[in-house]
Amino acid sequence: MQNDQILRRWRRVDEPGLELMALSRSRSGIDVCSTVIHAGAESFGLRYRWELDASWQTRRLRIDRTDALGKSLLIERAGDRGWRVDGEERPDLAACHEVDVSATPFCNSLAIRRLGNAGGELLALFFDASSLTCQPSRQRYEPLGPRAWRYVDKGVSDGFTARIDLDEEGFVAKYEHLFEAF
């Protein structure tokens, strides 16, 4: 497989904010680099580098806050059923299937790819970008059409629902209430 790059831009629709993401594919996997600026009530900036295997599963995710906080976090898959955060084993996250970062719609594409056309539930390793915390969170994705999904949060934001529309390559084009590609 040749190395190719995909660029995506998203803007927040609920508060001021932008993201520019670059995804590169190669024989060894998928590398995603992005810059996020959230200029809402709890403003922050961050950069992430998301390393995925060829089946779109997270191997490793480094998140760097670029604002005055200046903190970093490293999330790594530890075998088939485990996660490390900043080098420390996190047994509370062991059952998590995939990572969900609050500041980007990119992670929704990972969950949808994992679940396939039938949809279903998964336990996400939820990373809150404003507080720099990780916790498990149950999520449900229900197919509405070929590229349309209903997201139902059953964990951290229990009861929140949104329609998610994907583009032709499987990336979020519109995430109701939160993001849209431009």
N, C-alpha and C. Protein backbone atom coordinates (compact mmCIF):
# COMPACT_ATOMS: atom_id res chain seq x y z
N MET A 1 0.84 -1.18 0.00
CA MET A 1 0.00 0.00 0.00
C MET A 1 0.88 1.24 0.00
N GLN A 2 0.58 2.17 -0.82
CA GLN A 2 1.35 3.41 -0.86
C GLN A 2 0.95 4.30 0.30
N ASN A 3 1.82 5.21 0.65
CA ASN A 3 1.52 6.16 1.71
C ASN A 3 0.67 7.28 1.10
N ASP A 4 -0.53 7.45 1.61
CA ASP A 4 -1.37 8.54 1.13
C ASP A 4 -1.86 9.34 2.33
N GLN A 5 -2.26 10.55 2.09
CA GLN A 5 -2.67 11.43 3.17
C GLN A 5 -4.08 11.96 2.94
N ILE A 6 -4.83 12.03 4.03
CA ILE A 6 -6.18 12.59 4.01
C ILE A 6 -6.20 13.75 5.00
N LEU A 7 -6.75 14.87 4.59
CA LEU A 7 -6.90 16.03 5.47
C LEU A 7 -8.37 16.24 5.78
N ARG A 8 -8.66 16.61 7.00
CA ARG A 8 -10.03 16.97 7.39
C ARG A 8 -9.96 18.20 8.28
N ARG A 9 -10.98 19.04 8.11
CA ARG A 9 -11.14 20.22 8.97
C ARG A 9 -12.53 20.15 9.58
N TRP A 10 -12.62 20.40 10.88
CA TRP A 10 -13.91 20.47 11.55
C TRP A 10 -14.00 21.77 12.32
N ARG A 11 -15.20 22.26 12.42
CA ARG A 11 -15.46 23.41 13.29
C ARG A 11 -16.52 23.01 14.31
N ARG A 12 -16.44 23.60 15.47
CA ARG A 12 -17.47 23.39 16.49
C ARG A 12 -18.68 24.20 16.08
N VAL A 13 -19.85 23.69 16.37
CA VAL A 13 -21.07 24.45 16.08
C VAL A 13 -21.72 24.95 17.37
N ASP A 14 -21.29 24.46 18.52
CA ASP A 14 -21.86 24.89 19.80
C ASP A 14 -21.06 26.02 20.44
N GLU A 15 -19.75 26.08 20.14
CA GLU A 15 -18.84 27.08 20.68
C GLU A 15 -17.77 27.33 19.63
N PRO A 16 -16.98 28.40 19.77
CA PRO A 16 -15.89 28.60 18.81
C PRO A 16 -14.82 27.52 18.95
N GLY A 17 -14.41 26.96 17.83
CA GLY A 17 -13.36 25.96 17.86
C GLY A 17 -13.10 25.39 16.48
N LEU A 18 -11.87 24.97 16.23
CA LEU A 18 -11.45 24.41 14.95
C LEU A 18 -10.52 23.23 15.17
N GLU A 19 -10.48 22.34 14.18
CA GLU A 19 -9.52 21.25 14.17
C GLU A 19 -9.02 21.05 12.74
N LEU A 20 -7.72 20.79 12.63
CA LEU A 20 -7.13 20.40 11.35
C LEU A 20 -6.42 19.07 11.58
N MET A 21 -6.86 18.03 10.86
CA MET A 21 -6.35 16.68 11.04
C MET A 21 -5.72 16.18 9.74
N ALA A 22 -4.58 15.51 9.87
CA ALA A 22 -3.91 14.87 8.74
C ALA A 22 -3.74 13.39 9.07
N LEU A 23 -4.22 12.54 8.18
CA LEU A 23 -4.14 11.09 8.36
C LEU A 23 -3.27 10.52 7.25
N SER A 24 -2.29 9.71 7.62
CA SER A 24 -1.41 9.06 6.65
C SER A 24 -1.50 7.55 6.85
N ARG A 25 -1.62 6.83 5.73
CA ARG A 25 -1.67 5.37 5.77
C ARG A 25 -0.41 4.81 5.14
N SER A 26 0.06 3.70 5.72
CA SER A 26 1.21 3.00 5.17
C SER A 26 1.03 1.51 5.47
N ARG A 27 1.98 0.71 5.08
CA ARG A 27 1.90 -0.74 5.34
C ARG A 27 1.85 -1.04 6.84
N SER A 28 2.50 -0.22 7.64
CA SER A 28 2.58 -0.48 9.08
C SER A 28 1.36 -0.01 9.87
N GLY A 29 0.50 0.79 9.26
CA GLY A 29 -0.67 1.26 9.98
C GLY A 29 -1.10 2.64 9.56
N ILE A 30 -1.71 3.34 10.49
CA ILE A 30 -2.31 4.64 10.22
C ILE A 30 -1.80 5.61 11.28
N ASP A 31 -1.39 6.78 10.83
CA ASP A 31 -0.88 7.81 11.72
C ASP A 31 -1.75 9.05 11.54
N VAL A 32 -2.26 9.57 12.65
CA VAL A 32 -3.15 10.73 12.61
C VAL A 32 -2.55 11.83 13.47
N CYS A 33 -2.35 13.00 12.88
CA CYS A 33 -1.83 14.15 13.62
C CYS A 33 -2.85 15.28 13.49
N SER A 34 -3.11 15.95 14.60
CA SER A 34 -4.13 16.99 14.56
C SER A 34 -3.82 18.10 15.54
N THR A 35 -4.35 19.28 15.21
CA THR A 35 -4.31 20.44 16.10
C THR A 35 -5.74 20.89 16.34
N VAL A 36 -6.08 21.07 17.62
CA VAL A 36 -7.43 21.47 18.03
C VAL A 36 -7.32 22.77 18.81
N ILE A 37 -8.17 23.72 18.47
CA ILE A 37 -8.28 24.96 19.24
C ILE A 37 -9.73 25.06 19.68
N HIS A 38 -9.93 24.98 20.98
CA HIS A 38 -11.27 25.13 21.54
C HIS A 38 -11.31 26.50 22.22
N ALA A 39 -12.07 27.41 21.65
CA ALA A 39 -12.10 28.79 22.16
C ALA A 39 -13.39 29.11 22.88
N GLY A 40 -14.04 28.09 23.42
CA GLY A 40 -15.29 28.27 24.14
C GLY A 40 -15.06 28.72 25.57
N ALA A 41 -16.05 28.47 26.41
CA ALA A 41 -16.01 28.92 27.81
C ALA A 41 -14.79 28.36 28.55
N GLU A 42 -14.45 27.10 28.32
CA GLU A 42 -13.26 26.49 28.91
C GLU A 42 -12.23 26.30 27.79
N SER A 43 -11.57 27.37 27.43
CA SER A 43 -10.66 27.36 26.28
C SER A 43 -9.42 26.50 26.52
N PHE A 44 -8.98 25.82 25.46
CA PHE A 44 -7.74 25.06 25.50
C PHE A 44 -7.29 24.80 24.07
N GLY A 45 -6.01 24.47 23.93
CA GLY A 45 -5.46 24.03 22.67
C GLY A 45 -4.81 22.69 22.89
N LEU A 46 -4.82 21.84 21.87
CA LEU A 46 -4.13 20.58 22.00
C LEU A 46 -3.69 20.06 20.64
N ARG A 47 -2.69 19.22 20.70
CA ARG A 47 -2.23 18.47 19.54
C ARG A 47 -2.29 17.02 19.93
N TYR A 48 -2.67 16.19 18.96
CA TYR A 48 -2.60 14.76 19.24
C TYR A 48 -1.95 14.03 18.08
N ARG A 49 -1.32 12.93 18.44
CA ARG A 49 -0.78 11.99 17.46
C ARG A 49 -1.35 10.63 17.82
N TRP A 50 -2.17 10.11 16.92
CA TRP A 50 -2.90 8.87 17.14
C TRP A 50 -2.30 7.81 16.23
N GLU A 51 -1.76 6.76 16.79
CA GLU A 51 -1.18 5.67 16.01
C GLU A 51 -2.15 4.50 16.04
N LEU A 52 -2.58 4.07 14.85
CA LEU A 52 -3.54 2.98 14.70
C LEU A 52 -2.89 1.84 13.94
N ASP A 53 -3.37 0.63 14.19
CA ASP A 53 -2.89 -0.48 13.37
C ASP A 53 -3.67 -0.48 12.06
N ALA A 54 -3.40 -1.44 11.19
CA ALA A 54 -4.04 -1.47 9.86
C ALA A 54 -5.54 -1.71 9.94
N SER A 55 -6.04 -2.23 11.07
CA SER A 55 -7.49 -2.45 11.23
C SER A 55 -8.16 -1.29 11.97
N TRP A 56 -7.50 -0.16 12.06
CA TRP A 56 -8.02 1.08 12.65
C TRP A 56 -8.21 0.99 14.16
N GLN A 57 -7.44 0.18 14.85
CA GLN A 57 -7.51 0.12 16.31
C GLN A 57 -6.34 0.92 16.90
N THR A 58 -6.62 1.61 17.96
CA THR A 58 -5.60 2.43 18.61
C THR A 58 -4.48 1.57 19.17
N ARG A 59 -3.25 1.96 18.82
CA ARG A 59 -2.07 1.41 19.45
C ARG A 59 -1.60 2.36 20.54
N ARG A 60 -1.61 3.65 20.16
CA ARG A 60 -1.03 4.65 21.03
C ARG A 60 -1.59 6.02 20.68
N LEU A 61 -1.79 6.86 21.69
CA LEU A 61 -2.29 8.21 21.49
C LEU A 61 -1.55 9.14 22.44
N ARG A 62 -0.88 10.12 21.85
CA ARG A 62 -0.21 11.15 22.66
C ARG A 62 -0.98 12.45 22.48
N ILE A 63 -1.31 13.06 23.61
CA ILE A 63 -2.06 14.32 23.60
C ILE A 63 -1.23 15.36 24.34
N ASP A 64 -0.99 16.49 23.68
CA ASP A 64 -0.23 17.59 24.27
C ASP A 64 -1.12 18.81 24.33
N ARG A 65 -1.31 19.34 25.52
CA ARG A 65 -2.01 20.61 25.64
C ARG A 65 -1.05 21.71 25.22
N THR A 66 -1.52 22.63 24.36
CA THR A 66 -0.66 23.69 23.85
C THR A 66 -0.98 25.04 24.47
N ASP A 67 -1.84 25.04 25.46
CA ASP A 67 -2.18 26.28 26.15
C ASP A 67 -1.27 26.44 27.38
N ALA A 68 -1.62 27.33 28.27
CA ALA A 68 -0.78 27.60 29.45
C ALA A 68 -0.62 26.38 30.35
N LEU A 69 -1.57 25.46 30.31
CA LEU A 69 -1.48 24.25 31.12
C LEU A 69 -0.27 23.41 30.72
N GLY A 70 -0.04 23.28 29.41
CA GLY A 70 1.15 22.63 28.89
C GLY A 70 1.37 21.19 29.30
N LYS A 71 0.35 20.46 29.63
CA LYS A 71 0.50 19.07 30.05
C LYS A 71 0.39 18.12 28.87
N SER A 72 0.93 16.91 29.06
CA SER A 72 0.85 15.86 28.04
C SER A 72 0.31 14.60 28.68
N LEU A 73 -0.21 13.72 27.82
CA LEU A 73 -0.74 12.44 28.27
C LEU A 73 -0.46 11.41 27.19
N LEU A 74 -0.07 10.22 27.59
CA LEU A 74 0.18 9.14 26.65
C LEU A 74 -0.73 7.96 27.01
N ILE A 75 -1.56 7.55 26.06
CA ILE A 75 -2.46 6.40 26.23
C ILE A 75 -1.96 5.32 25.29
N GLU A 76 -1.72 4.11 25.84
CA GLU A 76 -1.20 3.01 25.02
C GLU A 76 -2.01 1.75 25.28
N ARG A 77 -2.27 1.02 24.20
CA ARG A 77 -2.91 -0.29 24.34
C ARG A 77 -1.87 -1.24 24.92
N ALA A 78 -2.27 -2.01 25.92
CA ALA A 78 -1.38 -2.98 26.57
C ALA A 78 -1.95 -4.37 26.34
N GLY A 79 -1.58 -4.97 25.22
CA GLY A 79 -2.10 -6.29 24.88
C GLY A 79 -3.52 -6.21 24.34
N ASP A 80 -4.23 -7.32 24.39
CA ASP A 80 -5.60 -7.37 23.85
C ASP A 80 -6.61 -6.66 24.74
N ARG A 81 -6.43 -6.70 26.04
CA ARG A 81 -7.44 -6.18 26.95
C ARG A 81 -6.81 -5.33 28.05
N GLY A 82 -6.13 -4.30 27.70
CA GLY A 82 -5.56 -3.46 28.72
C GLY A 82 -5.08 -2.13 28.16
N TRP A 83 -4.90 -1.16 29.06
CA TRP A 83 -4.45 0.18 28.68
C TRP A 83 -3.47 0.70 29.72
N ARG A 84 -2.50 1.46 29.24
CA ARG A 84 -1.59 2.20 30.11
C ARG A 84 -1.82 3.69 29.84
N VAL A 85 -1.79 4.47 30.90
CA VAL A 85 -1.86 5.92 30.78
C VAL A 85 -0.62 6.47 31.46
N ASP A 86 0.19 7.17 30.68
CA ASP A 86 1.48 7.69 31.14
C ASP A 86 2.33 6.59 31.78
N GLY A 87 2.33 5.41 31.16
CA GLY A 87 3.15 4.29 31.60
C GLY A 87 2.57 3.46 32.73
N GLU A 88 1.46 3.90 33.30
CA GLU A 88 0.84 3.18 34.42
C GLU A 88 -0.31 2.31 33.92
N GLU A 89 -0.32 1.05 34.32
CA GLU A 89 -1.45 0.17 34.00
C GLU A 89 -2.72 0.76 34.62
N ARG A 90 -3.83 0.70 33.86
CA ARG A 90 -5.11 1.21 34.34
C ARG A 90 -6.15 0.10 34.29
N PRO A 91 -6.24 -0.72 35.35
CA PRO A 91 -7.21 -1.82 35.38
C PRO A 91 -8.65 -1.37 35.19
N ASP A 92 -8.96 -0.13 35.59
CA ASP A 92 -10.33 0.38 35.43
C ASP A 92 -10.70 0.59 33.97
N LEU A 93 -9.70 0.60 33.08
CA LEU A 93 -9.93 0.80 31.65
C LEU A 93 -9.79 -0.50 30.85
N ALA A 94 -9.51 -1.61 31.52
CA ALA A 94 -9.18 -2.87 30.84
C ALA A 94 -10.26 -3.33 29.86
N ALA A 95 -11.51 -3.10 30.15
CA ALA A 95 -12.60 -3.58 29.28
C ALA A 95 -12.90 -2.62 28.12
N CYS A 96 -12.20 -1.50 28.06
CA CYS A 96 -12.47 -0.51 27.00
C CYS A 96 -11.99 -1.02 25.65
N HIS A 97 -12.82 -0.81 24.64
CA HIS A 97 -12.53 -1.27 23.28
C HIS A 97 -11.73 -0.25 22.47
N GLU A 98 -12.04 1.03 22.66
CA GLU A 98 -11.42 2.07 21.83
C GLU A 98 -11.42 3.38 22.60
N VAL A 99 -10.62 4.35 22.11
CA VAL A 99 -10.48 5.65 22.76
C VAL A 99 -11.45 6.65 22.16
N ASP A 100 -12.03 7.47 23.02
CA ASP A 100 -12.92 8.57 22.62
C ASP A 100 -12.36 9.85 23.23
N VAL A 101 -11.95 10.79 22.41
CA VAL A 101 -11.42 12.07 22.87
C VAL A 101 -12.51 13.12 22.71
N SER A 102 -12.87 13.77 23.79
CA SER A 102 -14.01 14.70 23.79
C SER A 102 -13.88 15.84 22.79
N ALA A 103 -12.66 16.23 22.43
CA ALA A 103 -12.44 17.42 21.62
C ALA A 103 -12.47 17.19 20.11
N THR A 104 -12.66 15.93 19.66
CA THR A 104 -12.60 15.66 18.22
C THR A 104 -13.65 14.65 17.77
N PRO A 105 -14.22 14.85 16.59
CA PRO A 105 -15.14 13.86 16.05
C PRO A 105 -14.43 12.69 15.35
N PHE A 106 -13.09 12.76 15.24
CA PHE A 106 -12.36 11.68 14.58
C PHE A 106 -12.63 10.34 15.25
N CYS A 107 -12.69 10.33 16.58
CA CYS A 107 -12.83 9.07 17.32
C CYS A 107 -14.16 8.36 17.03
N ASN A 108 -15.19 9.09 16.64
CA ASN A 108 -16.47 8.44 16.32
C ASN A 108 -16.33 7.54 15.10
N SER A 109 -15.47 7.92 14.17
CA SER A 109 -15.22 7.07 13.00
C SER A 109 -14.58 5.75 13.42
N LEU A 110 -13.72 5.78 14.45
CA LEU A 110 -13.09 4.55 14.94
C LEU A 110 -14.14 3.62 15.53
N ALA A 111 -15.03 4.16 16.34
CA ALA A 111 -16.08 3.33 16.96
C ALA A 111 -16.99 2.72 15.90
N ILE A 112 -17.40 3.52 14.92
CA ILE A 112 -18.29 3.03 13.87
C ILE A 112 -17.60 1.96 13.03
N ARG A 113 -16.34 2.15 12.70
CA ARG A 113 -15.59 1.12 11.95
C ARG A 113 -15.52 -0.17 12.75
N ARG A 114 -15.29 -0.05 14.05
CA ARG A 114 -15.18 -1.23 14.91
C ARG A 114 -16.49 -2.01 14.96
N LEU A 115 -17.60 -1.29 15.09
CA LEU A 115 -18.90 -1.95 15.24
C LEU A 115 -19.46 -2.48 13.93
N GLY A 116 -19.08 -1.87 12.81
CA GLY A 116 -19.58 -2.33 11.52
C GLY A 116 -20.99 -1.83 11.24
N ASN A 117 -21.56 -2.28 10.14
CA ASN A 117 -22.86 -1.77 9.67
C ASN A 117 -24.02 -2.04 10.62
N ALA A 118 -23.92 -3.06 11.46
CA ALA A 118 -25.01 -3.40 12.37
C ALA A 118 -25.07 -2.47 13.58
N GLY A 119 -23.98 -1.76 13.85
CA GLY A 119 -23.94 -0.90 15.03
C GLY A 119 -23.86 -1.72 16.30
N GLY A 120 -24.17 -1.10 17.42
CA GLY A 120 -24.14 -1.79 18.70
C GLY A 120 -23.51 -0.93 19.77
N GLU A 121 -23.09 -1.59 20.85
CA GLU A 121 -22.50 -0.88 21.98
C GLU A 121 -21.03 -1.23 22.13
N LEU A 122 -20.32 -0.29 22.72
CA LEU A 122 -18.94 -0.54 23.10
C LEU A 122 -18.61 0.27 24.34
N LEU A 123 -17.57 -0.14 25.02
CA LEU A 123 -17.07 0.60 26.16
C LEU A 123 -15.87 1.40 25.67
N ALA A 124 -15.96 2.71 25.79
CA ALA A 124 -14.89 3.60 25.31
C ALA A 124 -14.01 4.05 26.47
N LEU A 125 -12.74 4.23 26.17
CA LEU A 125 -11.82 4.88 27.08
C LEU A 125 -12.01 6.37 26.79
N PHE A 126 -12.81 7.04 27.60
CA PHE A 126 -13.18 8.44 27.36
C PHE A 126 -12.13 9.36 27.95
N PHE A 127 -11.53 10.20 27.09
CA PHE A 127 -10.57 11.19 27.53
C PHE A 127 -11.22 12.56 27.47
N ASP A 128 -11.36 13.22 28.61
CA ASP A 128 -11.92 14.57 28.68
C ASP A 128 -10.78 15.56 28.48
N ALA A 129 -10.80 16.25 27.35
CA ALA A 129 -9.70 17.15 26.99
C ALA A 129 -9.60 18.36 27.91
N SER A 130 -10.70 18.81 28.49
CA SER A 130 -10.61 19.99 29.36
C SER A 130 -10.04 19.63 30.73
N SER A 131 -10.32 18.44 31.25
CA SER A 131 -9.82 18.06 32.58
C SER A 131 -8.62 17.10 32.53
N LEU A 132 -8.26 16.61 31.34
CA LEU A 132 -7.17 15.66 31.15
C LEU A 132 -7.36 14.38 31.98
N THR A 133 -8.59 13.89 32.01
CA THR A 133 -8.89 12.67 32.75
C THR A 133 -9.37 11.57 31.81
N CYS A 134 -9.17 10.33 32.23
CA CYS A 134 -9.61 9.15 31.47
C CYS A 134 -10.54 8.32 32.34
N GLN A 135 -11.62 7.84 31.73
CA GLN A 135 -12.53 6.94 32.43
C GLN A 135 -13.32 6.12 31.42
N PRO A 136 -13.84 4.96 31.83
CA PRO A 136 -14.66 4.17 30.91
C PRO A 136 -16.02 4.83 30.71
N SER A 137 -16.57 4.68 29.50
CA SER A 137 -17.88 5.25 29.20
C SER A 137 -18.58 4.39 28.15
N ARG A 138 -19.78 3.93 28.44
CA ARG A 138 -20.55 3.08 27.52
C ARG A 138 -21.19 3.95 26.45
N GLN A 139 -21.11 3.48 25.18
CA GLN A 139 -21.67 4.21 24.04
C GLN A 139 -22.42 3.26 23.13
N ARG A 140 -23.43 3.79 22.47
CA ARG A 140 -24.21 3.00 21.51
C ARG A 140 -24.27 3.76 20.18
N TYR A 141 -24.11 3.01 19.08
CA TYR A 141 -24.23 3.56 17.74
C TYR A 141 -25.29 2.76 16.99
N GLU A 142 -26.33 3.47 16.54
CA GLU A 142 -27.44 2.83 15.84
C GLU A 142 -27.46 3.32 14.39
N PRO A 143 -27.41 2.39 13.41
CA PRO A 143 -27.43 2.82 12.01
C PRO A 143 -28.78 3.41 11.62
N LEU A 144 -28.74 4.53 10.92
CA LEU A 144 -29.95 5.19 10.41
C LEU A 144 -30.03 5.11 8.89
N GLY A 145 -28.93 4.80 8.26
CA GLY A 145 -28.84 4.73 6.80
C GLY A 145 -27.42 4.38 6.43
N PRO A 146 -27.09 4.39 5.13
CA PRO A 146 -25.76 3.98 4.69
C PRO A 146 -24.61 4.76 5.34
N ARG A 147 -24.80 6.05 5.59
CA ARG A 147 -23.74 6.86 6.20
C ARG A 147 -24.28 7.74 7.32
N ALA A 148 -25.34 7.27 7.97
CA ALA A 148 -25.95 8.04 9.05
C ALA A 148 -26.12 7.16 10.29
N TRP A 149 -25.82 7.73 11.45
CA TRP A 149 -25.85 6.99 12.71
C TRP A 149 -26.50 7.82 13.80
N ARG A 150 -27.10 7.16 14.76
CA ARG A 150 -27.57 7.80 15.99
C ARG A 150 -26.59 7.39 17.08
N TYR A 151 -25.96 8.38 17.72
CA TYR A 151 -25.05 8.14 18.84
C TYR A 151 -25.85 8.31 20.12
N VAL A 152 -25.72 7.35 21.03
CA VAL A 152 -26.40 7.41 22.33
C VAL A 152 -25.35 7.19 23.41
N ASP A 153 -25.18 8.19 24.26
CA ASP A 153 -24.23 8.06 25.36
C ASP A 153 -24.93 7.40 26.54
N LYS A 154 -24.34 6.35 27.04
CA LYS A 154 -24.90 5.62 28.18
C LYS A 154 -23.91 5.62 29.34
N GLY A 155 -22.96 6.56 29.30
CA GLY A 155 -21.91 6.60 30.31
C GLY A 155 -21.72 7.99 30.87
N VAL A 156 -20.59 8.62 30.54
CA VAL A 156 -20.20 9.92 31.09
C VAL A 156 -21.28 10.98 30.90
N SER A 157 -21.89 11.05 29.72
CA SER A 157 -22.95 12.03 29.43
C SER A 157 -24.27 11.29 29.19
N ASP A 158 -24.61 10.41 30.10
CA ASP A 158 -25.77 9.53 29.97
C ASP A 158 -27.01 10.30 29.48
N GLY A 159 -27.59 9.79 28.40
CA GLY A 159 -28.79 10.39 27.84
C GLY A 159 -28.54 11.29 26.64
N PHE A 160 -27.31 11.73 26.44
CA PHE A 160 -27.00 12.58 25.29
C PHE A 160 -27.14 11.75 24.02
N THR A 161 -27.82 12.30 23.02
CA THR A 161 -27.94 11.65 21.72
C THR A 161 -27.62 12.66 20.62
N ALA A 162 -27.15 12.16 19.51
CA ALA A 162 -26.85 13.02 18.36
C ALA A 162 -26.84 12.18 17.09
N ARG A 163 -27.20 12.81 16.00
CA ARG A 163 -27.06 12.17 14.69
C ARG A 163 -25.65 12.45 14.18
N ILE A 164 -25.03 11.43 13.62
CA ILE A 164 -23.70 11.57 13.03
C ILE A 164 -23.80 11.16 11.58
N ASP A 165 -23.41 12.06 10.67
CA ASP A 165 -23.36 11.77 9.25
C ASP A 165 -21.91 11.65 8.83
N LEU A 166 -21.60 10.62 8.07
CA LEU A 166 -20.24 10.36 7.60
C LEU A 166 -20.08 10.76 6.15
N ASP A 167 -18.86 11.12 5.78
CA ASP A 167 -18.57 11.38 4.37
C ASP A 167 -18.30 10.06 3.65
N GLU A 168 -17.94 10.14 2.38
CA GLU A 168 -17.75 8.93 1.56
C GLU A 168 -16.57 8.08 2.02
N GLU A 169 -15.65 8.64 2.82
CA GLU A 169 -14.50 7.88 3.31
C GLU A 169 -14.67 7.41 4.75
N GLY A 170 -15.85 7.66 5.33
CA GLY A 170 -16.12 7.18 6.68
C GLY A 170 -15.72 8.11 7.80
N PHE A 171 -15.45 9.38 7.48
CA PHE A 171 -15.13 10.37 8.51
C PHE A 171 -16.36 11.23 8.79
N VAL A 172 -16.42 11.79 9.98
CA VAL A 172 -17.57 12.59 10.37
C VAL A 172 -17.68 13.83 9.48
N ALA A 173 -18.84 13.97 8.85
CA ALA A 173 -19.15 15.17 8.07
C ALA A 173 -19.95 16.13 8.94
N LYS A 174 -20.84 15.57 9.75
CA LYS A 174 -21.64 16.39 10.67
C LYS A 174 -21.97 15.57 11.91
N TYR A 175 -21.72 16.17 13.05
CA TYR A 175 -22.04 15.58 14.34
C TYR A 175 -23.01 16.56 14.99
N GLU A 176 -24.28 16.21 14.99
CA GLU A 176 -25.34 17.09 15.45
C GLU A 176 -24.99 17.71 16.81
N HIS A 177 -25.20 19.00 16.93
CA HIS A 177 -24.97 19.79 18.15
C HIS A 177 -23.51 20.15 18.41
N LEU A 178 -22.52 19.48 17.75
CA LEU A 178 -21.14 19.68 18.15
C LEU A 178 -20.16 20.06 17.04
N PHE A 179 -20.11 19.27 15.94
CA PHE A 179 -19.07 19.47 14.91
C PHE A 179 -19.64 19.39 13.51
N GLU A 180 -18.94 20.06 12.58
CA GLU A 180 -19.21 19.87 11.16
C GLU A 180 -17.93 20.06 10.37
N ALA A 181 -17.79 19.27 9.31
CA ALA A 181 -16.63 19.40 8.43
C ALA A 181 -16.83 20.63 7.55
N PHE A 182 -15.73 21.23 7.13
CA PHE A 182 -15.81 22.37 6.20
C PHE A 182 -14.61 22.37 5.28
